[in-house]
């Protein structure tokens, strides 16, 4: 008798999913490695370019003048921000930005739930325009993720 049993239709997709998962994982690792290598090269070339500026006397002189002007500008800005009208507008801006951030986070949660329940990646806005629900994924080191919270 043959000890091997024929594969059922349900086993093949699971096997294909496992192979696909392994391929995707390998592509992720390859991309991560390429990104790290490029980052090292970028850092090296950035340092080389910065050295060119550091060793140029004309640039250094202009940089010093620009820094002094920036200090004056910063001082002027701080004085203006002490005025009641500017301080009030600044506080209003902070409040509006905070409210906008909360609304965007809520919208994201609603869209995720809408997509889960409806199975659709599209929704029509109040203006009649069809919009697509998209997500952006990024990879974060686990230790960095927990230390930032």
N, C-alpha and C. Protein backbone atom coordinates (compact mmCIF):
# COMPACT_ATOMS: atom_id res chain seq x y z
N UNK A 1 0.83 -1.19 0.00
CA UNK A 1 0.00 0.00 0.00
C UNK A 1 0.87 1.24 0.00
N UNK A 2 0.33 2.30 -0.53
CA UNK A 2 1.04 3.57 -0.58
C UNK A 2 0.74 4.37 0.67
N UNK A 3 1.80 4.75 1.42
CA UNK A 3 1.61 5.52 2.65
C UNK A 3 1.24 6.97 2.37
N UNK A 4 1.53 7.46 1.18
CA UNK A 4 1.21 8.85 0.86
C UNK A 4 -0.24 8.96 0.47
N UNK A 5 -0.88 9.97 1.03
CA UNK A 5 -2.27 10.21 0.69
C UNK A 5 -2.32 11.35 -0.32
N UNK A 6 -3.24 11.31 -1.24
CA UNK A 6 -3.33 12.41 -2.21
C UNK A 6 -3.70 13.71 -1.49
N UNK A 7 -3.12 14.81 -1.99
CA UNK A 7 -3.41 16.10 -1.37
C UNK A 7 -4.83 16.53 -1.72
N UNK A 8 -5.48 17.07 -0.74
CA UNK A 8 -6.81 17.59 -0.98
C UNK A 8 -6.69 19.02 -1.48
N UNK A 9 -7.76 19.53 -2.02
CA UNK A 9 -7.76 20.90 -2.55
C UNK A 9 -7.48 21.91 -1.45
N UNK A 10 -7.88 21.60 -0.22
CA UNK A 10 -7.68 22.54 0.89
C UNK A 10 -6.22 22.60 1.31
N UNK A 11 -5.46 21.50 1.13
CA UNK A 11 -4.07 21.48 1.54
C UNK A 11 -3.18 22.28 0.60
N UNK A 12 -3.48 22.29 -0.71
CA UNK A 12 -2.65 23.00 -1.68
C UNK A 12 -2.61 24.51 -1.44
N UNK A 13 -3.75 25.18 -1.21
CA UNK A 13 -3.66 26.62 -0.93
C UNK A 13 -2.86 26.91 0.33
N UNK A 14 -2.99 26.09 1.34
CA UNK A 14 -2.23 26.31 2.57
C UNK A 14 -0.74 26.16 2.30
N UNK A 15 -0.39 25.17 1.48
CA UNK A 15 1.01 24.97 1.12
C UNK A 15 1.51 26.14 0.28
N UNK A 16 0.70 26.59 -0.66
CA UNK A 16 1.06 27.74 -1.49
C UNK A 16 1.21 28.99 -0.64
N UNK A 17 0.33 29.15 0.34
CA UNK A 17 0.43 30.30 1.24
C UNK A 17 1.72 30.26 2.04
N UNK A 18 2.12 29.08 2.47
CA UNK A 18 3.36 28.94 3.24
C UNK A 18 4.57 29.29 2.37
N UNK A 19 4.57 28.82 1.13
CA UNK A 19 5.66 29.14 0.20
C UNK A 19 5.68 30.64 -0.07
N UNK A 20 4.51 31.20 -0.30
CA UNK A 20 4.40 32.64 -0.56
C UNK A 20 4.90 33.43 0.64
N UNK A 21 4.52 33.00 1.83
CA UNK A 21 4.96 33.69 3.04
C UNK A 21 6.48 33.65 3.17
N UNK A 22 7.08 32.51 2.89
CA UNK A 22 8.54 32.40 2.95
C UNK A 22 9.21 33.31 1.92
N UNK A 23 8.65 33.38 0.72
CA UNK A 23 9.20 34.26 -0.32
C UNK A 23 9.08 35.73 0.08
N UNK A 24 7.94 36.09 0.61
CA UNK A 24 7.75 37.48 1.04
C UNK A 24 8.71 37.82 2.17
N UNK A 25 8.86 36.90 3.12
CA UNK A 25 9.78 37.13 4.23
C UNK A 25 11.21 37.33 3.71
N UNK A 26 11.61 36.53 2.74
CA UNK A 26 12.95 36.66 2.16
C UNK A 26 13.09 38.01 1.44
N UNK A 27 12.05 38.43 0.73
CA UNK A 27 12.09 39.74 0.05
C UNK A 27 12.19 40.87 1.07
N UNK A 28 11.49 40.74 2.18
CA UNK A 28 11.56 41.76 3.23
C UNK A 28 12.99 41.85 3.75
N UNK A 29 13.59 40.70 4.04
CA UNK A 29 14.96 40.68 4.56
C UNK A 29 15.94 41.26 3.55
N UNK A 30 15.76 40.92 2.27
CA UNK A 30 16.63 41.46 1.22
C UNK A 30 16.50 42.97 1.13
N UNK A 31 15.27 43.46 1.16
CA UNK A 31 15.05 44.91 1.09
C UNK A 31 15.63 45.61 2.32
N UNK A 32 15.46 45.01 3.49
CA UNK A 32 16.02 45.61 4.70
C UNK A 32 17.54 45.72 4.59
N UNK A 33 18.17 44.67 4.07
CA UNK A 33 19.62 44.67 3.90
C UNK A 33 20.05 45.74 2.90
N UNK A 34 19.33 45.86 1.80
CA UNK A 34 19.65 46.87 0.79
C UNK A 34 19.47 48.27 1.35
N UNK A 35 18.43 48.48 2.12
CA UNK A 35 18.18 49.79 2.73
C UNK A 35 19.31 50.13 3.69
N UNK A 36 19.73 49.17 4.51
CA UNK A 36 20.84 49.41 5.44
C UNK A 36 22.13 49.75 4.71
N UNK A 37 22.42 49.01 3.64
CA UNK A 37 23.63 49.27 2.85
C UNK A 37 23.57 50.66 2.22
N UNK A 38 22.42 51.01 1.66
CA UNK A 38 22.28 52.35 1.07
C UNK A 38 22.41 53.43 2.13
N UNK A 39 21.87 53.19 3.32
CA UNK A 39 21.97 54.19 4.39
C UNK A 39 23.43 54.42 4.76
N UNK A 40 24.21 53.35 4.83
CA UNK A 40 25.64 53.49 5.13
C UNK A 40 26.33 54.32 4.05
N UNK A 41 26.01 54.05 2.79
CA UNK A 41 26.61 54.79 1.67
C UNK A 41 26.17 56.25 1.70
N UNK A 42 24.91 56.49 1.99
CA UNK A 42 24.40 57.87 2.08
C UNK A 42 25.13 58.62 3.18
N UNK A 43 25.26 58.00 4.34
CA UNK A 43 25.95 58.64 5.47
C UNK A 43 27.39 58.97 5.11
N UNK A 44 28.07 58.03 4.48
CA UNK A 44 29.47 58.23 4.08
C UNK A 44 29.60 59.42 3.13
N UNK A 45 28.74 59.47 2.12
CA UNK A 45 28.82 60.55 1.12
C UNK A 45 28.39 61.89 1.71
N UNK A 46 27.43 61.86 2.62
CA UNK A 46 27.01 63.09 3.30
C UNK A 46 28.16 63.66 4.11
N UNK A 47 28.87 62.79 4.82
CA UNK A 47 30.03 63.22 5.60
C UNK A 47 31.11 63.81 4.70
N UNK A 48 31.33 63.19 3.55
CA UNK A 48 32.33 63.69 2.61
C UNK A 48 31.95 65.09 2.11
N UNK A 49 30.67 65.27 1.79
CA UNK A 49 30.19 66.57 1.32
C UNK A 49 30.31 67.61 2.43
N UNK A 50 29.96 67.24 3.65
CA UNK A 50 30.08 68.16 4.78
C UNK A 50 31.54 68.57 5.00
N UNK A 51 32.46 67.64 4.80
CA UNK A 51 33.89 67.97 4.93
C UNK A 51 34.31 69.01 3.90
N UNK A 52 33.77 68.93 2.69
CA UNK A 52 34.09 69.93 1.67
C UNK A 52 33.66 71.31 2.14
N UNK A 53 32.45 71.42 2.69
CA UNK A 53 31.96 72.72 3.18
C UNK A 53 32.78 73.19 4.38
N UNK A 54 33.12 72.27 5.26
CA UNK A 54 33.89 72.62 6.45
C UNK A 54 35.26 73.19 6.09
N UNK A 55 35.85 72.69 5.03
CA UNK A 55 37.19 73.12 4.64
C UNK A 55 37.21 74.32 3.68
N UNK A 56 36.04 74.86 3.35
CA UNK A 56 35.98 76.02 2.45
C UNK A 56 35.84 77.29 3.28
N UNK A 57 36.83 78.18 3.19
CA UNK A 57 36.85 79.40 4.01
C UNK A 57 35.69 80.34 3.69
N UNK A 58 35.39 80.51 2.41
CA UNK A 58 34.30 81.41 2.02
C UNK A 58 32.97 80.91 2.59
N UNK A 59 32.74 79.61 2.47
CA UNK A 59 31.51 79.05 3.02
C UNK A 59 31.44 79.26 4.53
N UNK A 60 32.53 79.02 5.22
CA UNK A 60 32.57 79.18 6.67
C UNK A 60 32.25 80.61 7.08
N UNK A 61 32.79 81.58 6.34
CA UNK A 61 32.53 82.99 6.64
C UNK A 61 31.05 83.31 6.44
N UNK A 62 30.49 82.86 5.33
CA UNK A 62 29.07 83.12 5.05
C UNK A 62 28.17 82.39 6.04
N UNK A 63 28.58 81.20 6.44
CA UNK A 63 27.82 80.43 7.42
C UNK A 63 27.77 81.17 8.76
N UNK A 64 28.88 81.76 9.16
CA UNK A 64 28.94 82.51 10.42
C UNK A 64 28.00 83.72 10.36
N UNK A 65 28.00 84.44 9.24
CA UNK A 65 27.12 85.60 9.07
C UNK A 65 25.65 85.15 9.10
N UNK A 66 25.36 84.04 8.44
CA UNK A 66 23.99 83.53 8.40
C UNK A 66 23.51 83.12 9.80
N UNK A 67 24.39 82.52 10.59
CA UNK A 67 24.02 82.12 11.95
C UNK A 67 23.73 83.33 12.82
N UNK A 68 24.52 84.38 12.67
CA UNK A 68 24.27 85.61 13.43
C UNK A 68 22.92 86.22 13.04
N UNK A 69 22.62 86.23 11.75
CA UNK A 69 21.34 86.76 11.28
C UNK A 69 20.18 85.91 11.81
N UNK A 70 20.39 84.60 11.86
CA UNK A 70 19.35 83.70 12.37
C UNK A 70 19.07 83.97 13.84
N UNK A 71 20.12 84.27 14.61
CA UNK A 71 19.93 84.60 16.03
C UNK A 71 19.09 85.86 16.18
N UNK A 72 19.38 86.86 15.36
CA UNK A 72 18.61 88.11 15.41
C UNK A 72 17.16 87.84 15.04
N UNK A 73 16.95 87.06 13.98
CA UNK A 73 15.59 86.73 13.54
C UNK A 73 14.85 85.97 14.63
N UNK A 74 15.50 85.01 15.28
CA UNK A 74 14.87 84.23 16.34
C UNK A 74 14.47 85.13 17.51
N UNK A 75 15.34 86.05 17.87
CA UNK A 75 15.02 86.98 18.95
C UNK A 75 13.83 87.85 18.60
N UNK A 76 13.78 88.33 17.37
CA UNK A 76 12.65 89.15 16.92
C UNK A 76 11.36 88.34 16.95
N UNK A 77 11.44 87.09 16.48
CA UNK A 77 10.26 86.23 16.47
C UNK A 77 9.75 85.99 17.89
N UNK A 78 10.66 85.77 18.83
CA UNK A 78 10.26 85.55 20.22
C UNK A 78 9.58 86.79 20.79
N UNK A 79 10.07 87.96 20.46
CA UNK A 79 9.45 89.20 20.94
C UNK A 79 8.04 89.34 20.37
N UNK A 80 7.88 89.04 19.09
CA UNK A 80 6.56 89.14 18.46
C UNK A 80 5.60 88.13 19.08
N UNK A 81 6.09 86.92 19.38
CA UNK A 81 5.23 85.88 19.95
C UNK A 81 4.76 86.23 21.36
N UNK A 82 5.39 87.19 22.01
CA UNK A 82 4.96 87.63 23.34
C UNK A 82 3.75 88.55 23.26
N UNK A 83 3.48 89.09 22.08
CA UNK A 83 2.32 89.97 21.93
C UNK A 83 1.05 89.14 22.09
N UNK A 84 0.03 89.70 22.73
CA UNK A 84 -1.21 88.94 22.97
C UNK A 84 -1.86 88.40 21.70
N UNK A 85 -1.89 89.19 20.63
CA UNK A 85 -2.55 88.72 19.41
C UNK A 85 -1.80 87.53 18.79
N UNK A 86 -0.48 87.58 18.80
CA UNK A 86 0.32 86.48 18.23
C UNK A 86 0.23 85.23 19.12
N UNK A 87 0.29 85.42 20.43
CA UNK A 87 0.20 84.29 21.36
C UNK A 87 -1.15 83.60 21.24
N UNK A 88 -2.21 84.41 21.11
CA UNK A 88 -3.56 83.86 20.97
C UNK A 88 -3.69 83.04 19.68
N UNK A 89 -3.19 83.58 18.57
CA UNK A 89 -3.24 82.85 17.30
C UNK A 89 -2.42 81.56 17.37
N UNK A 90 -1.28 81.62 18.03
CA UNK A 90 -0.43 80.44 18.17
C UNK A 90 -1.17 79.34 18.95
N UNK A 91 -1.84 79.73 20.03
CA UNK A 91 -2.62 78.75 20.82
C UNK A 91 -3.78 78.19 20.01
N UNK A 92 -4.43 79.04 19.22
CA UNK A 92 -5.53 78.57 18.37
C UNK A 92 -5.01 77.54 17.36
N UNK A 93 -3.85 77.83 16.77
CA UNK A 93 -3.26 76.90 15.80
C UNK A 93 -2.95 75.55 16.45
N UNK A 94 -2.37 75.58 17.64
CA UNK A 94 -2.07 74.33 18.35
C UNK A 94 -3.33 73.53 18.60
N UNK A 95 -4.39 74.21 19.02
CA UNK A 95 -5.65 73.55 19.30
C UNK A 95 -6.25 72.94 18.03
N UNK A 96 -6.23 73.70 16.94
CA UNK A 96 -6.78 73.21 15.67
C UNK A 96 -5.98 72.01 15.15
N UNK A 97 -4.67 72.07 15.25
CA UNK A 97 -3.84 70.96 14.79
C UNK A 97 -4.09 69.71 15.63
N UNK A 98 -4.27 69.88 16.93
CA UNK A 98 -4.55 68.76 17.81
C UNK A 98 -5.89 68.12 17.45
N UNK A 99 -6.89 68.96 17.22
CA UNK A 99 -8.22 68.46 16.84
C UNK A 99 -8.15 67.72 15.51
N UNK A 100 -7.40 68.29 14.56
CA UNK A 100 -7.26 67.66 13.25
C UNK A 100 -6.58 66.29 13.38
N UNK A 101 -5.56 66.20 14.21
CA UNK A 101 -4.85 64.93 14.41
C UNK A 101 -5.79 63.88 14.99
N UNK A 102 -6.59 64.27 15.98
CA UNK A 102 -7.54 63.34 16.59
C UNK A 102 -8.57 62.86 15.57
N UNK A 103 -9.07 63.79 14.73
CA UNK A 103 -10.04 63.42 13.71
C UNK A 103 -9.44 62.46 12.69
N UNK A 104 -8.20 62.70 12.30
CA UNK A 104 -7.54 61.81 11.33
C UNK A 104 -7.34 60.42 11.92
N UNK A 105 -6.99 60.34 13.20
CA UNK A 105 -6.83 59.04 13.84
C UNK A 105 -8.16 58.31 13.91
N UNK A 106 -9.22 59.04 14.25
CA UNK A 106 -10.55 58.45 14.29
C UNK A 106 -10.99 57.99 12.91
N UNK A 107 -10.75 58.82 11.90
CA UNK A 107 -11.10 58.45 10.53
C UNK A 107 -10.38 57.17 10.12
N UNK A 108 -9.12 57.06 10.47
CA UNK A 108 -8.34 55.86 10.14
C UNK A 108 -8.98 54.62 10.77
N UNK A 109 -9.38 54.74 12.02
CA UNK A 109 -10.04 53.61 12.70
C UNK A 109 -11.36 53.26 12.01
N UNK A 110 -12.16 54.28 11.68
CA UNK A 110 -13.44 54.05 11.01
C UNK A 110 -13.24 53.41 9.63
N UNK A 111 -12.23 53.88 8.89
CA UNK A 111 -11.97 53.33 7.57
C UNK A 111 -11.54 51.87 7.66
N UNK A 112 -10.71 51.56 8.63
CA UNK A 112 -10.26 50.17 8.81
C UNK A 112 -11.47 49.28 9.11
N UNK A 113 -12.36 49.74 9.98
CA UNK A 113 -13.55 48.96 10.33
C UNK A 113 -14.51 48.87 9.14
N UNK A 114 -14.68 49.97 8.41
CA UNK A 114 -15.54 49.98 7.21
C UNK A 114 -15.03 48.96 6.20
N UNK A 115 -13.71 48.96 6.00
CA UNK A 115 -13.12 48.03 5.04
C UNK A 115 -13.32 46.59 5.51
N UNK A 116 -13.16 46.35 6.79
CA UNK A 116 -13.32 45.00 7.33
C UNK A 116 -14.76 44.51 7.16
N UNK A 117 -15.72 45.38 7.47
CA UNK A 117 -17.12 44.97 7.42
C UNK A 117 -17.67 44.89 5.99
N UNK A 118 -17.28 45.86 5.15
CA UNK A 118 -17.83 45.91 3.80
C UNK A 118 -17.03 45.09 2.80
N UNK A 119 -15.76 44.88 3.10
CA UNK A 119 -14.90 44.18 2.15
C UNK A 119 -14.49 45.06 0.98
N UNK A 120 -14.80 46.34 1.06
CA UNK A 120 -14.50 47.28 -0.03
C UNK A 120 -13.36 48.21 0.36
N UNK A 121 -12.53 48.55 -0.63
CA UNK A 121 -11.44 49.50 -0.42
C UNK A 121 -11.80 50.89 -0.92
N UNK A 122 -13.06 51.11 -1.24
CA UNK A 122 -13.48 52.40 -1.77
C UNK A 122 -14.68 52.91 -0.98
N UNK A 123 -14.76 54.24 -0.93
CA UNK A 123 -15.91 54.88 -0.28
C UNK A 123 -16.16 56.20 -0.99
N UNK A 124 -17.43 56.53 -1.11
CA UNK A 124 -17.79 57.78 -1.78
C UNK A 124 -17.91 58.87 -0.73
N UNK A 125 -17.24 59.99 -0.97
CA UNK A 125 -17.27 61.12 -0.05
C UNK A 125 -18.55 61.92 -0.20
N UNK A 126 -18.76 62.87 0.70
CA UNK A 126 -19.94 63.72 0.64
C UNK A 126 -19.98 64.53 -0.65
N UNK A 127 -18.81 64.76 -1.25
CA UNK A 127 -18.73 65.52 -2.49
C UNK A 127 -19.01 64.65 -3.71
N UNK A 128 -19.30 63.36 -3.50
CA UNK A 128 -19.60 62.46 -4.60
C UNK A 128 -18.36 61.83 -5.22
N UNK A 129 -17.19 62.22 -4.76
CA UNK A 129 -15.95 61.69 -5.31
C UNK A 129 -15.63 60.35 -4.66
N UNK A 130 -15.25 59.38 -5.50
CA UNK A 130 -14.89 58.06 -5.01
C UNK A 130 -13.46 58.08 -4.52
N UNK A 131 -13.25 57.59 -3.30
CA UNK A 131 -11.91 57.58 -2.71
C UNK A 131 -11.52 56.15 -2.37
N UNK A 132 -10.22 55.88 -2.49
CA UNK A 132 -9.69 54.56 -2.19
C UNK A 132 -9.07 54.56 -0.79
N UNK A 133 -9.30 53.51 -0.04
CA UNK A 133 -8.71 53.35 1.29
C UNK A 133 -7.34 52.71 1.10
N UNK A 134 -6.29 53.40 1.56
CA UNK A 134 -4.92 52.88 1.42
C UNK A 134 -4.24 52.90 2.78
N UNK A 135 -3.31 51.98 2.95
CA UNK A 135 -2.54 51.90 4.18
C UNK A 135 -1.06 51.92 3.83
N UNK A 136 -0.27 52.49 4.71
CA UNK A 136 1.18 52.51 4.53
C UNK A 136 1.78 51.74 5.70
N UNK A 137 2.57 50.75 5.36
CA UNK A 137 3.22 49.95 6.40
C UNK A 137 4.69 50.32 6.46
N UNK A 138 5.25 50.29 7.66
CA UNK A 138 6.68 50.51 7.80
C UNK A 138 7.19 49.56 8.87
N UNK A 139 8.48 49.33 8.83
CA UNK A 139 9.10 48.39 9.75
C UNK A 139 9.87 49.18 10.80
N UNK A 140 9.60 48.90 12.08
CA UNK A 140 10.22 49.61 13.19
C UNK A 140 10.86 48.58 14.10
N UNK A 141 12.08 48.89 14.55
CA UNK A 141 12.72 47.99 15.50
C UNK A 141 11.86 47.90 16.75
N UNK A 142 11.69 46.71 17.26
CA UNK A 142 10.81 46.49 18.40
C UNK A 142 11.25 47.29 19.62
N UNK A 143 12.55 47.31 19.90
CA UNK A 143 13.03 48.03 21.07
C UNK A 143 12.80 49.53 20.93
N UNK A 144 12.98 50.06 19.72
CA UNK A 144 12.77 51.49 19.49
C UNK A 144 11.29 51.84 19.64
N UNK A 145 10.43 50.94 19.22
CA UNK A 145 8.99 51.19 19.30
C UNK A 145 8.54 51.33 20.75
N UNK A 146 9.05 50.47 21.62
CA UNK A 146 8.63 50.51 23.01
C UNK A 146 9.28 51.65 23.78
N UNK A 147 10.47 52.04 23.41
CA UNK A 147 11.15 53.11 24.14
C UNK A 147 10.57 54.48 23.79
N UNK A 148 9.92 54.60 22.62
CA UNK A 148 9.37 55.90 22.23
C UNK A 148 8.01 56.15 22.84
N UNK A 149 7.42 55.16 23.44
CA UNK A 149 6.08 55.35 24.01
C UNK A 149 6.14 55.67 25.46
